[in-house]
Amino acid sequence: CTASGIIFSVNIMAWYRQAPGKQRE
């Protein structure tokens, strides 16, 4: 994941996923 337009170093970064028919987690 490459970011632009934000101060990357201060951000909490995360990965979420969503499977078909399921809630994002």
mmCIF file of all heavy atoms, coordinates in Angstrom:
data_MODEL
# 
_entry.id   MODEL 
# 
loop_
_atom_site.group_PDB 
_atom_site.id 
_atom_site.type_symbol 
_atom_site.label_atom_id 
_atom_site.label_alt_id 
_atom_site.label_comp_id 
_atom_site.label_asym_id 
_atom_site.label_entity_id 
_atom_site.label_seq_id 
_atom_site.pdbx_PDB_ins_code 
_atom_site.Cartn_x 
_atom_site.Cartn_y 
_atom_site.Cartn_z 
_atom_site.occupancy 
_atom_site.B_iso_or_equiv 
_atom_site.pdbx_formal_charge 
_atom_site.auth_seq_id 
_atom_site.auth_comp_id 
_atom_site.auth_asym_id 
_atom_site.auth_atom_id 
_atom_site.pdbx_PDB_model_num 
ATOM 1   N N   . CYS A 1 1  ? 0.866   -1.178  0.000  1.00 0.00 ? 1  CYS A N   1 
ATOM 2   C CA  . CYS A 1 1  ? 0.000   0.000   0.000  1.00 0.00 ? 1  CYS A CA  1 
ATOM 3   C C   . CYS A 1 1  ? 0.902   1.227   0.000  1.00 0.00 ? 1  CYS A C   1 
ATOM 4   O O   . CYS A 1 1  ? 1.658   1.433   0.948  1.00 0.00 ? 1  CYS A O   1 
ATOM 5   C CB  . CYS A 1 1  ? -0.906  0.006   1.218  1.00 0.00 ? 1  CYS A CB  1 
ATOM 6   S SG  . CYS A 1 1  ? -1.841  1.546   1.443  1.00 0.00 ? 1  CYS A SG  1 
ATOM 7   N N   . THR A 1 2  ? 0.794   1.997   -1.045 1.00 0.00 ? 2  THR A N   1 
ATOM 8   C CA  . THR A 1 2  ? 1.596   3.210   -1.149 1.00 0.00 ? 2  THR A CA  1 
ATOM 9   C C   . THR A 1 2  ? 0.687   4.425   -0.993 1.00 0.00 ? 2  THR A C   1 
ATOM 10  O O   . THR A 1 2  ? -0.352  4.519   -1.656 1.00 0.00 ? 2  THR A O   1 
ATOM 11  C CB  . THR A 1 2  ? 2.328   3.280   -2.492 1.00 0.00 ? 2  THR A CB  1 
ATOM 12  O OG1 . THR A 1 2  ? 3.179   2.134   -2.607 1.00 0.00 ? 2  THR A OG1 1 
ATOM 13  C CG2 . THR A 1 2  ? 3.173   4.538   -2.583 1.00 0.00 ? 2  THR A CG2 1 
ATOM 14  N N   . ALA A 1 3  ? 1.074   5.320   -0.119 1.00 0.00 ? 3  ALA A N   1 
ATOM 15  C CA  . ALA A 1 3  ? 0.248   6.484   0.202  1.00 0.00 ? 3  ALA A CA  1 
ATOM 16  C C   . ALA A 1 3  ? 0.834   7.764   -0.364 1.00 0.00 ? 3  ALA A C   1 
ATOM 17  O O   . ALA A 1 3  ? 2.061   7.909   -0.487 1.00 0.00 ? 3  ALA A O   1 
ATOM 18  C CB  . ALA A 1 3  ? 0.119   6.611   1.723  1.00 0.00 ? 3  ALA A CB  1 
ATOM 19  N N   . SER A 1 4  ? -0.050  8.673   -0.685 1.00 0.00 ? 4  SER A N   1 
ATOM 20  C CA  . SER A 1 4  ? 0.353   10.015  -1.098 1.00 0.00 ? 4  SER A CA  1 
ATOM 21  C C   . SER A 1 4  ? -0.677  11.003  -0.572 1.00 0.00 ? 4  SER A C   1 
ATOM 22  O O   . SER A 1 4  ? -1.824  10.647  -0.303 1.00 0.00 ? 4  SER A O   1 
ATOM 23  C CB  . SER A 1 4  ? 0.458   10.116  -2.620 1.00 0.00 ? 4  SER A CB  1 
ATOM 24  O OG  . SER A 1 4  ? -0.775  9.818   -3.233 1.00 0.00 ? 4  SER A OG  1 
ATOM 25  N N   . GLY A 1 5  ? -0.237  12.239  -0.389 1.00 0.00 ? 5  GLY A N   1 
ATOM 26  C CA  . GLY A 1 5  ? -1.161  13.276  0.060  1.00 0.00 ? 5  GLY A CA  1 
ATOM 27  C C   . GLY A 1 5  ? -1.466  13.259  1.543  1.00 0.00 ? 5  GLY A C   1 
ATOM 28  O O   . GLY A 1 5  ? -2.349  13.988  1.998  1.00 0.00 ? 5  GLY A O   1 
ATOM 29  N N   . ILE A 1 6  ? -0.760  12.430  2.306  1.00 0.00 ? 6  ILE A N   1 
ATOM 30  C CA  . ILE A 1 6  ? -0.922  12.401  3.757  1.00 0.00 ? 6  ILE A CA  1 
ATOM 31  C C   . ILE A 1 6  ? 0.451   12.400  4.416  1.00 0.00 ? 6  ILE A C   1 
ATOM 32  O O   . ILE A 1 6  ? 1.451   12.107  3.757  1.00 0.00 ? 6  ILE A O   1 
ATOM 33  C CB  . ILE A 1 6  ? -1.712  11.159  4.240  1.00 0.00 ? 6  ILE A CB  1 
ATOM 34  C CG1 . ILE A 1 6  ? -0.963  9.865   3.908  1.00 0.00 ? 6  ILE A CG1 1 
ATOM 35  C CG2 . ILE A 1 6  ? -3.117  11.153  3.670  1.00 0.00 ? 6  ILE A CG2 1 
ATOM 36  C CD1 . ILE A 1 6  ? -1.581  8.616   4.534  1.00 0.00 ? 6  ILE A CD1 1 
ATOM 37  N N   . ILE A 1 7  ? 0.471   12.751  5.707  1.00 0.00 ? 7  ILE A N   1 
ATOM 38  C CA  . ILE A 1 7  ? 1.713   12.633  6.472  1.00 0.00 ? 7  ILE A CA  1 
ATOM 39  C C   . ILE A 1 7  ? 1.770   11.190  6.956  1.00 0.00 ? 7  ILE A C   1 
ATOM 40  O O   . ILE A 1 7  ? 1.281   10.859  8.038  1.00 0.00 ? 7  ILE A O   1 
ATOM 41  C CB  . ILE A 1 7  ? 1.742   13.632  7.639  1.00 0.00 ? 7  ILE A CB  1 
ATOM 42  C CG1 . ILE A 1 7  ? 1.506   15.052  7.128  1.00 0.00 ? 7  ILE A CG1 1 
ATOM 43  C CG2 . ILE A 1 7  ? 3.091   13.548  8.366  1.00 0.00 ? 7  ILE A CG2 1 
ATOM 44  C CD1 . ILE A 1 7  ? 1.362   16.088  8.225  1.00 0.00 ? 7  ILE A CD1 1 
ATOM 45  N N   . PHE A 1 8  ? 2.344   10.340  6.132  1.00 0.00 ? 8  PHE A N   1 
ATOM 46  C CA  . PHE A 1 8  ? 2.273   8.901   6.344  1.00 0.00 ? 8  PHE A CA  1 
ATOM 47  C C   . PHE A 1 8  ? 2.762   8.499   7.725  1.00 0.00 ? 8  PHE A C   1 
ATOM 48  O O   . PHE A 1 8  ? 2.157   7.644   8.384  1.00 0.00 ? 8  PHE A O   1 
ATOM 49  C CB  . PHE A 1 8  ? 3.100   8.200   5.263  1.00 0.00 ? 8  PHE A CB  1 
ATOM 50  C CG  . PHE A 1 8  ? 3.055   6.695   5.336  1.00 0.00 ? 8  PHE A CG  1 
ATOM 51  C CD1 . PHE A 1 8  ? 2.008   5.991   4.763  1.00 0.00 ? 8  PHE A CD1 1 
ATOM 52  C CD2 . PHE A 1 8  ? 4.068   5.987   5.977  1.00 0.00 ? 8  PHE A CD2 1 
ATOM 53  C CE1 . PHE A 1 8  ? 1.969   4.598   4.829  1.00 0.00 ? 8  PHE A CE1 1 
ATOM 54  C CE2 . PHE A 1 8  ? 4.046   4.609   6.042  1.00 0.00 ? 8  PHE A CE2 1 
ATOM 55  C CZ  . PHE A 1 8  ? 2.987   3.910   5.469  1.00 0.00 ? 8  PHE A CZ  1 
ATOM 56  N N   . SER A 1 9  ? 3.834   9.110   8.193  1.00 0.00 ? 9  SER A N   1 
ATOM 57  C CA  . SER A 1 9  ? 4.500   8.639   9.408  1.00 0.00 ? 9  SER A CA  1 
ATOM 58  C C   . SER A 1 9  ? 3.626   8.751   10.652 1.00 0.00 ? 9  SER A C   1 
ATOM 59  O O   . SER A 1 9  ? 3.829   8.005   11.608 1.00 0.00 ? 9  SER A O   1 
ATOM 60  C CB  . SER A 1 9  ? 5.801   9.409   9.624  1.00 0.00 ? 9  SER A CB  1 
ATOM 61  O OG  . SER A 1 9  ? 5.532   10.789  9.759  1.00 0.00 ? 9  SER A OG  1 
ATOM 62  N N   . VAL A 1 10 ? 2.643   9.645   10.660 1.00 0.00 ? 10 VAL A N   1 
ATOM 63  C CA  . VAL A 1 10 ? 1.834   9.812   11.871 1.00 0.00 ? 10 VAL A CA  1 
ATOM 64  C C   . VAL A 1 10 ? 0.559   8.983   11.832 1.00 0.00 ? 10 VAL A C   1 
ATOM 65  O O   . VAL A 1 10 ? -0.156  8.891   12.821 1.00 0.00 ? 10 VAL A O   1 
ATOM 66  C CB  . VAL A 1 10 ? 1.461   11.295  12.098 1.00 0.00 ? 10 VAL A CB  1 
ATOM 67  C CG1 . VAL A 1 10 ? 2.715   12.139  12.197 1.00 0.00 ? 10 VAL A CG1 1 
ATOM 68  C CG2 . VAL A 1 10 ? 0.535   11.816  11.011 1.00 0.00 ? 10 VAL A CG2 1 
ATOM 69  N N   . ASN A 1 11 ? 0.287   8.386   10.686 1.00 0.00 ? 11 ASN A N   1 
ATOM 70  C CA  . ASN A 1 11 ? -0.954  7.653   10.535 1.00 0.00 ? 11 ASN A CA  1 
ATOM 71  C C   . ASN A 1 11 ? -0.876  6.237   11.081 1.00 0.00 ? 11 ASN A C   1 
ATOM 72  O O   . ASN A 1 11 ? 0.150   5.566   10.944 1.00 0.00 ? 11 ASN A O   1 
ATOM 73  C CB  . ASN A 1 11 ? -1.346  7.577   9.061  1.00 0.00 ? 11 ASN A CB  1 
ATOM 74  C CG  . ASN A 1 11 ? -2.103  8.807   8.601  1.00 0.00 ? 11 ASN A CG  1 
ATOM 75  O OD1 . ASN A 1 11 ? -3.337  8.795   8.537  1.00 0.00 ? 11 ASN A OD1 1 
ATOM 76  N ND2 . ASN A 1 11 ? -1.392  9.862   8.289  1.00 0.00 ? 11 ASN A ND2 1 
ATOM 77  N N   . ILE A 1 12 ? -1.970  5.817   11.705 1.00 0.00 ? 12 ILE A N   1 
ATOM 78  C CA  . ILE A 1 12 ? -2.160  4.406   12.002 1.00 0.00 ? 12 ILE A CA  1 
ATOM 79  C C   . ILE A 1 12 ? -2.590  3.750   10.698 1.00 0.00 ? 12 ILE A C   1 
ATOM 80  O O   . ILE A 1 12 ? -3.569  4.154   10.081 1.00 0.00 ? 12 ILE A O   1 
ATOM 81  C CB  . ILE A 1 12 ? -3.228  4.200   13.081 1.00 0.00 ? 12 ILE A CB  1 
ATOM 82  C CG1 . ILE A 1 12 ? -2.795  4.856   14.388 1.00 0.00 ? 12 ILE A CG1 1 
ATOM 83  C CG2 . ILE A 1 12 ? -3.513  2.715   13.282 1.00 0.00 ? 12 ILE A CG2 1 
ATOM 84  C CD1 . ILE A 1 12 ? -3.878  4.897   15.434 1.00 0.00 ? 12 ILE A CD1 1 
ATOM 85  N N   . MET A 1 13 ? -1.847  2.759   10.278 1.00 0.00 ? 13 MET A N   1 
ATOM 86  C CA  . MET A 1 13 ? -2.140  2.073   9.021  1.00 0.00 ? 13 MET A CA  1 
ATOM 87  C C   . MET A 1 13 ? -2.719  0.695   9.324  1.00 0.00 ? 13 MET A C   1 
ATOM 88  O O   . MET A 1 13 ? -2.361  0.059   10.329 1.00 0.00 ? 13 MET A O   1 
ATOM 89  C CB  . MET A 1 13 ? -0.874  1.933   8.192  1.00 0.00 ? 13 MET A CB  1 
ATOM 90  C CG  . MET A 1 13 ? -0.192  3.239   7.848  1.00 0.00 ? 13 MET A CG  1 
ATOM 91  S SD  . MET A 1 13 ? -1.218  4.324   6.841  1.00 0.00 ? 13 MET A SD  1 
ATOM 92  C CE  . MET A 1 13 ? -1.401  3.329   5.354  1.00 0.00 ? 13 MET A CE  1 
ATOM 93  N N   . ALA A 1 14 ? -3.581  0.238   8.455  1.00 0.00 ? 14 ALA A N   1 
ATOM 94  C CA  . ALA A 1 14 ? -4.219  -1.052  8.695  1.00 0.00 ? 14 ALA A CA  1 
ATOM 95  C C   . ALA A 1 14 ? -4.644  -1.697  7.382  1.00 0.00 ? 14 ALA A C   1 
ATOM 96  O O   . ALA A 1 14 ? -4.790  -1.026  6.356  1.00 0.00 ? 14 ALA A O   1 
ATOM 97  C CB  . ALA A 1 14 ? -5.429  -0.882  9.612  1.00 0.00 ? 14 ALA A CB  1 
ATOM 98  N N   . TRP A 1 15 ? -4.835  -2.994  7.463  1.00 0.00 ? 15 TRP A N   1 
ATOM 99  C CA  . TRP A 1 15 ? -5.431  -3.777  6.381  1.00 0.00 ? 15 TRP A CA  1 
ATOM 100 C C   . TRP A 1 15 ? -6.760  -4.332  6.883  1.00 0.00 ? 15 TRP A C   1 
ATOM 101 O O   . TRP A 1 15 ? -6.827  -4.920  7.966  1.00 0.00 ? 15 TRP A O   1 
ATOM 102 C CB  . TRP A 1 15 ? -4.528  -4.926  5.973  1.00 0.00 ? 15 TRP A CB  1 
ATOM 103 C CG  . TRP A 1 15 ? -3.292  -4.509  5.269  1.00 0.00 ? 15 TRP A CG  1 
ATOM 104 C CD1 . TRP A 1 15 ? -2.052  -4.336  5.827  1.00 0.00 ? 15 TRP A CD1 1 
ATOM 105 C CD2 . TRP A 1 15 ? -3.141  -4.206  3.874  1.00 0.00 ? 15 TRP A CD2 1 
ATOM 106 N NE1 . TRP A 1 15 ? -1.159  -3.941  4.873  1.00 0.00 ? 15 TRP A NE1 1 
ATOM 107 C CE2 . TRP A 1 15 ? -1.795  -3.862  3.666  1.00 0.00 ? 15 TRP A CE2 1 
ATOM 108 C CE3 . TRP A 1 15 ? -4.016  -4.200  2.801  1.00 0.00 ? 15 TRP A CE3 1 
ATOM 109 C CZ2 . TRP A 1 15 ? -1.308  -3.506  2.407  1.00 0.00 ? 15 TRP A CZ2 1 
ATOM 110 C CZ3 . TRP A 1 15 ? -3.533  -3.852  1.556  1.00 0.00 ? 15 TRP A CZ3 1 
ATOM 111 C CH2 . TRP A 1 15 ? -2.191  -3.507  1.363  1.00 0.00 ? 15 TRP A CH2 1 
ATOM 112 N N   . TYR A 1 16 ? -7.789  -4.151  6.077  1.00 0.00 ? 16 TYR A N   1 
ATOM 113 C CA  . TYR A 1 16 ? -9.088  -4.766  6.296  1.00 0.00 ? 16 TYR A CA  1 
ATOM 114 C C   . TYR A 1 16 ? -9.364  -5.689  5.127  1.00 0.00 ? 16 TYR A C   1 
ATOM 115 O O   . TYR A 1 16 ? -8.729  -5.604  4.077  1.00 0.00 ? 16 TYR A O   1 
ATOM 116 C CB  . TYR A 1 16 ? -10.193 -3.712  6.373  1.00 0.00 ? 16 TYR A CB  1 
ATOM 117 C CG  . TYR A 1 16 ? -10.251 -2.947  7.675  1.00 0.00 ? 16 TYR A CG  1 
ATOM 118 C CD1 . TYR A 1 16 ? -9.325  -1.950  7.969  1.00 0.00 ? 16 TYR A CD1 1 
ATOM 119 C CD2 . TYR A 1 16 ? -11.238 -3.210  8.613  1.00 0.00 ? 16 TYR A CD2 1 
ATOM 120 C CE1 . TYR A 1 16 ? -9.380  -1.245  9.167  1.00 0.00 ? 16 TYR A CE1 1 
ATOM 121 C CE2 . TYR A 1 16 ? -11.309 -2.515  9.810  1.00 0.00 ? 16 TYR A CE2 1 
ATOM 122 C CZ  . TYR A 1 16 ? -10.382 -1.529  10.078 1.00 0.00 ? 16 TYR A CZ  1 
ATOM 123 O OH  . TYR A 1 16 ? -10.435 -0.839  11.268 1.00 0.00 ? 16 TYR A OH  1 
ATOM 124 N N   . ARG A 1 17 ? -10.328 -6.567  5.307  1.00 0.00 ? 17 ARG A N   1 
ATOM 125 C CA  . ARG A 1 17 ? -10.757 -7.408  4.200  1.00 0.00 ? 17 ARG A CA  1 
ATOM 126 C C   . ARG A 1 17 ? -12.253 -7.645  4.275  1.00 0.00 ? 17 ARG A C   1 
ATOM 127 O O   . ARG A 1 17 ? -12.851 -7.571  5.350  1.00 0.00 ? 17 ARG A O   1 
ATOM 128 C CB  . ARG A 1 17 ? -10.009 -8.736  4.184  1.00 0.00 ? 17 ARG A CB  1 
ATOM 129 C CG  . ARG A 1 17 ? -10.327 -9.662  5.327  1.00 0.00 ? 17 ARG A CG  1 
ATOM 130 C CD  . ARG A 1 17 ? -9.425  -10.904 5.266  1.00 0.00 ? 17 ARG A CD  1 
ATOM 131 N NE  . ARG A 1 17 ? -9.711  -11.839 6.357  1.00 0.00 ? 17 ARG A NE  1 
ATOM 132 C CZ  . ARG A 1 17 ? -8.984  -12.922 6.614  1.00 0.00 ? 17 ARG A CZ  1 
ATOM 133 N NH1 . ARG A 1 17 ? -7.921  -13.213 5.853  1.00 0.00 ? 17 ARG A NH1 1 
ATOM 134 N NH2 . ARG A 1 17 ? -9.317  -13.712 7.611  1.00 0.00 ? 17 ARG A NH2 1 
ATOM 135 N N   . GLN A 1 18 ? -12.817 -7.925  3.123  1.00 0.00 ? 18 GLN A N   1 
ATOM 136 C CA  . GLN A 1 18 ? -14.235 -8.242  3.053  1.00 0.00 ? 18 GLN A CA  1 
ATOM 137 C C   . GLN A 1 18 ? -14.430 -9.377  2.067  1.00 0.00 ? 18 GLN A C   1 
ATOM 138 O O   . GLN A 1 18 ? -14.115 -9.250  0.882  1.00 0.00 ? 18 GLN A O   1 
ATOM 139 C CB  . GLN A 1 18 ? -15.056 -7.032  2.630  1.00 0.00 ? 18 GLN A CB  1 
ATOM 140 C CG  . GLN A 1 18 ? -16.550 -7.267  2.699  1.00 0.00 ? 18 GLN A CG  1 
ATOM 141 C CD  . GLN A 1 18 ? -17.352 -5.989  2.615  1.00 0.00 ? 18 GLN A CD  1 
ATOM 142 O OE1 . GLN A 1 18 ? -16.875 -4.957  2.140  1.00 0.00 ? 18 GLN A OE1 1 
ATOM 143 N NE2 . GLN A 1 18 ? -18.589 -6.029  3.087  1.00 0.00 ? 18 GLN A NE2 1 
ATOM 144 N N   . ALA A 1 19 ? -14.955 -10.471 2.599  1.00 0.00 ? 19 ALA A N   1 
ATOM 145 C CA  . ALA A 1 19 ? -15.280 -11.631 1.778  1.00 0.00 ? 19 ALA A CA  1 
ATOM 146 C C   . ALA A 1 19 ? -16.725 -11.517 1.311  1.00 0.00 ? 19 ALA A C   1 
ATOM 147 O O   . ALA A 1 19 ? -17.538 -10.839 1.960  1.00 0.00 ? 19 ALA A O   1 
ATOM 148 C CB  . ALA A 1 19 ? -15.074 -12.905 2.578  1.00 0.00 ? 19 ALA A CB  1 
ATOM 149 N N   . PRO A 1 20 ? -17.073 -12.195 0.217  1.00 0.00 ? 20 PRO A N   1 
ATOM 150 C CA  . PRO A 1 20 ? -18.451 -12.125 -0.286 1.00 0.00 ? 20 PRO A CA  1 
ATOM 151 C C   . PRO A 1 20 ? -19.457 -12.548 0.771  1.00 0.00 ? 20 PRO A C   1 
ATOM 152 O O   . PRO A 1 20 ? -19.298 -13.598 1.414  1.00 0.00 ? 20 PRO A O   1 
ATOM 153 C CB  . PRO A 1 20 ? -18.435 -13.121 -1.450 1.00 0.00 ? 20 PRO A CB  1 
ATOM 154 C CG  . PRO A 1 20 ? -17.025 -13.152 -1.900 1.00 0.00 ? 20 PRO A CG  1 
ATOM 155 C CD  . PRO A 1 20 ? -16.205 -12.980 -0.665 1.00 0.00 ? 20 PRO A CD  1 
ATOM 156 N N   . GLY A 1 21 ? -20.451 -11.720 0.985  1.00 0.00 ? 21 GLY A N   1 
ATOM 157 C CA  . GLY A 1 21 ? -21.497 -12.039 1.942  1.00 0.00 ? 21 GLY A CA  1 
ATOM 158 C C   . GLY A 1 21 ? -21.123 -11.842 3.394  1.00 0.00 ? 21 GLY A C   1 
ATOM 159 O O   . GLY A 1 21 ? -21.908 -12.184 4.291  1.00 0.00 ? 21 GLY A O   1 
ATOM 160 N N   . LYS A 1 22 ? -19.935 -11.319 3.645  1.00 0.00 ? 22 LYS A N   1 
ATOM 161 C CA  . LYS A 1 22 ? -19.488 -11.130 5.031  1.00 0.00 ? 22 LYS A CA  1 
ATOM 162 C C   . LYS A 1 22 ? -19.180 -9.665  5.297  1.00 0.00 ? 22 LYS A C   1 
ATOM 163 O O   . LYS A 1 22 ? -18.997 -8.870  4.383  1.00 0.00 ? 22 LYS A O   1 
ATOM 164 C CB  . LYS A 1 22 ? -18.250 -11.987 5.308  1.00 0.00 ? 22 LYS A CB  1 
ATOM 165 C CG  . LYS A 1 22 ? -18.495 -13.468 5.245  1.00 0.00 ? 22 LYS A CG  1 
ATOM 166 C CD  . LYS A 1 22 ? -17.275 -14.248 5.706  1.00 0.00 ? 22 LYS A CD  1 
ATOM 167 C CE  . LYS A 1 22 ? -17.536 -15.737 5.724  1.00 0.00 ? 22 LYS A CE  1 
ATOM 168 N NZ  . LYS A 1 22 ? -16.356 -16.500 6.203  1.00 0.00 ? 22 LYS A NZ  1 
ATOM 169 N N   . GLN A 1 23 ? -19.128 -9.338  6.572  1.00 0.00 ? 23 GLN A N   1 
ATOM 170 C CA  . GLN A 1 23 ? -18.793 -7.973  6.956  1.00 0.00 ? 23 GLN A CA  1 
ATOM 171 C C   . GLN A 1 23 ? -17.301 -7.716  6.801  1.00 0.00 ? 23 GLN A C   1 
ATOM 172 O O   . GLN A 1 23 ? -16.488 -8.640  6.881  1.00 0.00 ? 23 GLN A O   1 
ATOM 173 C CB  . GLN A 1 23 ? -19.213 -7.728  8.418  1.00 0.00 ? 23 GLN A CB  1 
ATOM 174 C CG  . GLN A 1 23 ? -20.706 -7.616  8.620  1.00 0.00 ? 23 GLN A CG  1 
ATOM 175 C CD  . GLN A 1 23 ? -21.049 -7.133  10.012 1.00 0.00 ? 23 GLN A CD  1 
ATOM 176 O OE1 . GLN A 1 23 ? -20.317 -7.385  10.970 1.00 0.00 ? 23 GLN A OE1 1 
ATOM 177 N NE2 . GLN A 1 23 ? -22.160 -6.426  10.140 1.00 0.00 ? 23 GLN A NE2 1 
ATOM 178 N N   . ARG A 1 24 ? -16.978 -6.466  6.597  1.00 0.00 ? 24 ARG A N   1 
ATOM 179 C CA  . ARG A 1 24 ? -15.572 -6.093  6.525  1.00 0.00 ? 24 ARG A CA  1 
ATOM 180 C C   . ARG A 1 24 ? -14.936 -6.309  7.900  1.00 0.00 ? 24 ARG A C   1 
ATOM 181 O O   . ARG A 1 24 ? -15.547 -5.985  8.918  1.00 0.00 ? 24 ARG A O   1 
ATOM 182 C CB  . ARG A 1 24 ? -15.462 -4.632  6.092  1.00 0.00 ? 24 ARG A CB  1 
ATOM 183 C CG  . ARG A 1 24 ? -14.081 -4.196  5.697  1.00 0.00 ? 24 ARG A CG  1 
ATOM 184 C CD  . ARG A 1 24 ? -14.125 -2.820  5.056  1.00 0.00 ? 24 ARG A CD  1 
ATOM 185 N NE  . ARG A 1 24 ? -14.843 -2.805  3.791  1.00 0.00 ? 24 ARG A NE  1 
ATOM 186 C CZ  . ARG A 1 24 ? -14.926 -1.737  3.014  1.00 0.00 ? 24 ARG A CZ  1 
ATOM 187 N NH1 . ARG A 1 24 ? -14.375 -0.593  3.383  1.00 0.00 ? 24 ARG A NH1 1 
ATOM 188 N NH2 . ARG A 1 24 ? -15.600 -1.808  1.888  1.00 0.00 ? 24 ARG A NH2 1 
ATOM 189 N N   . GLU A 1 25 ? -13.724 -6.827  7.933  1.00 0.00 ? 25 GLU A N   1 
ATOM 190 C CA  . GLU A 1 25 ? -13.066 -7.100  9.204  1.00 0.00 ? 25 GLU A CA  1 
ATOM 191 C C   . GLU A 1 25 ? -11.624 -6.601  9.183  1.00 0.00 ? 25 GLU A C   1 
ATOM 192 O O   . GLU A 1 25 ? -10.968 -6.562  8.127  1.00 0.00 ? 25 GLU A O   1 
ATOM 193 C CB  . GLU A 1 25 ? -13.068 -8.606  9.499  1.00 0.00 ? 25 GLU A CB  1 
ATOM 194 C CG  . GLU A 1 25 ? -12.299 -9.453  8.501  1.00 0.00 ? 25 GLU A CG  1 
ATOM 195 C CD  . GLU A 1 25 ? -12.200 -10.913 8.904  1.00 0.00 ? 25 GLU A CD  1 
ATOM 196 O OE1 . GLU A 1 25 ? -12.590 -11.265 10.035 1.00 0.00 ? 25 GLU A OE1 1 
ATOM 197 O OE2 . GLU A 1 25 ? -11.705 -11.711 8.085  1.00 0.00 ? 25 GLU A OE2 1 
# 
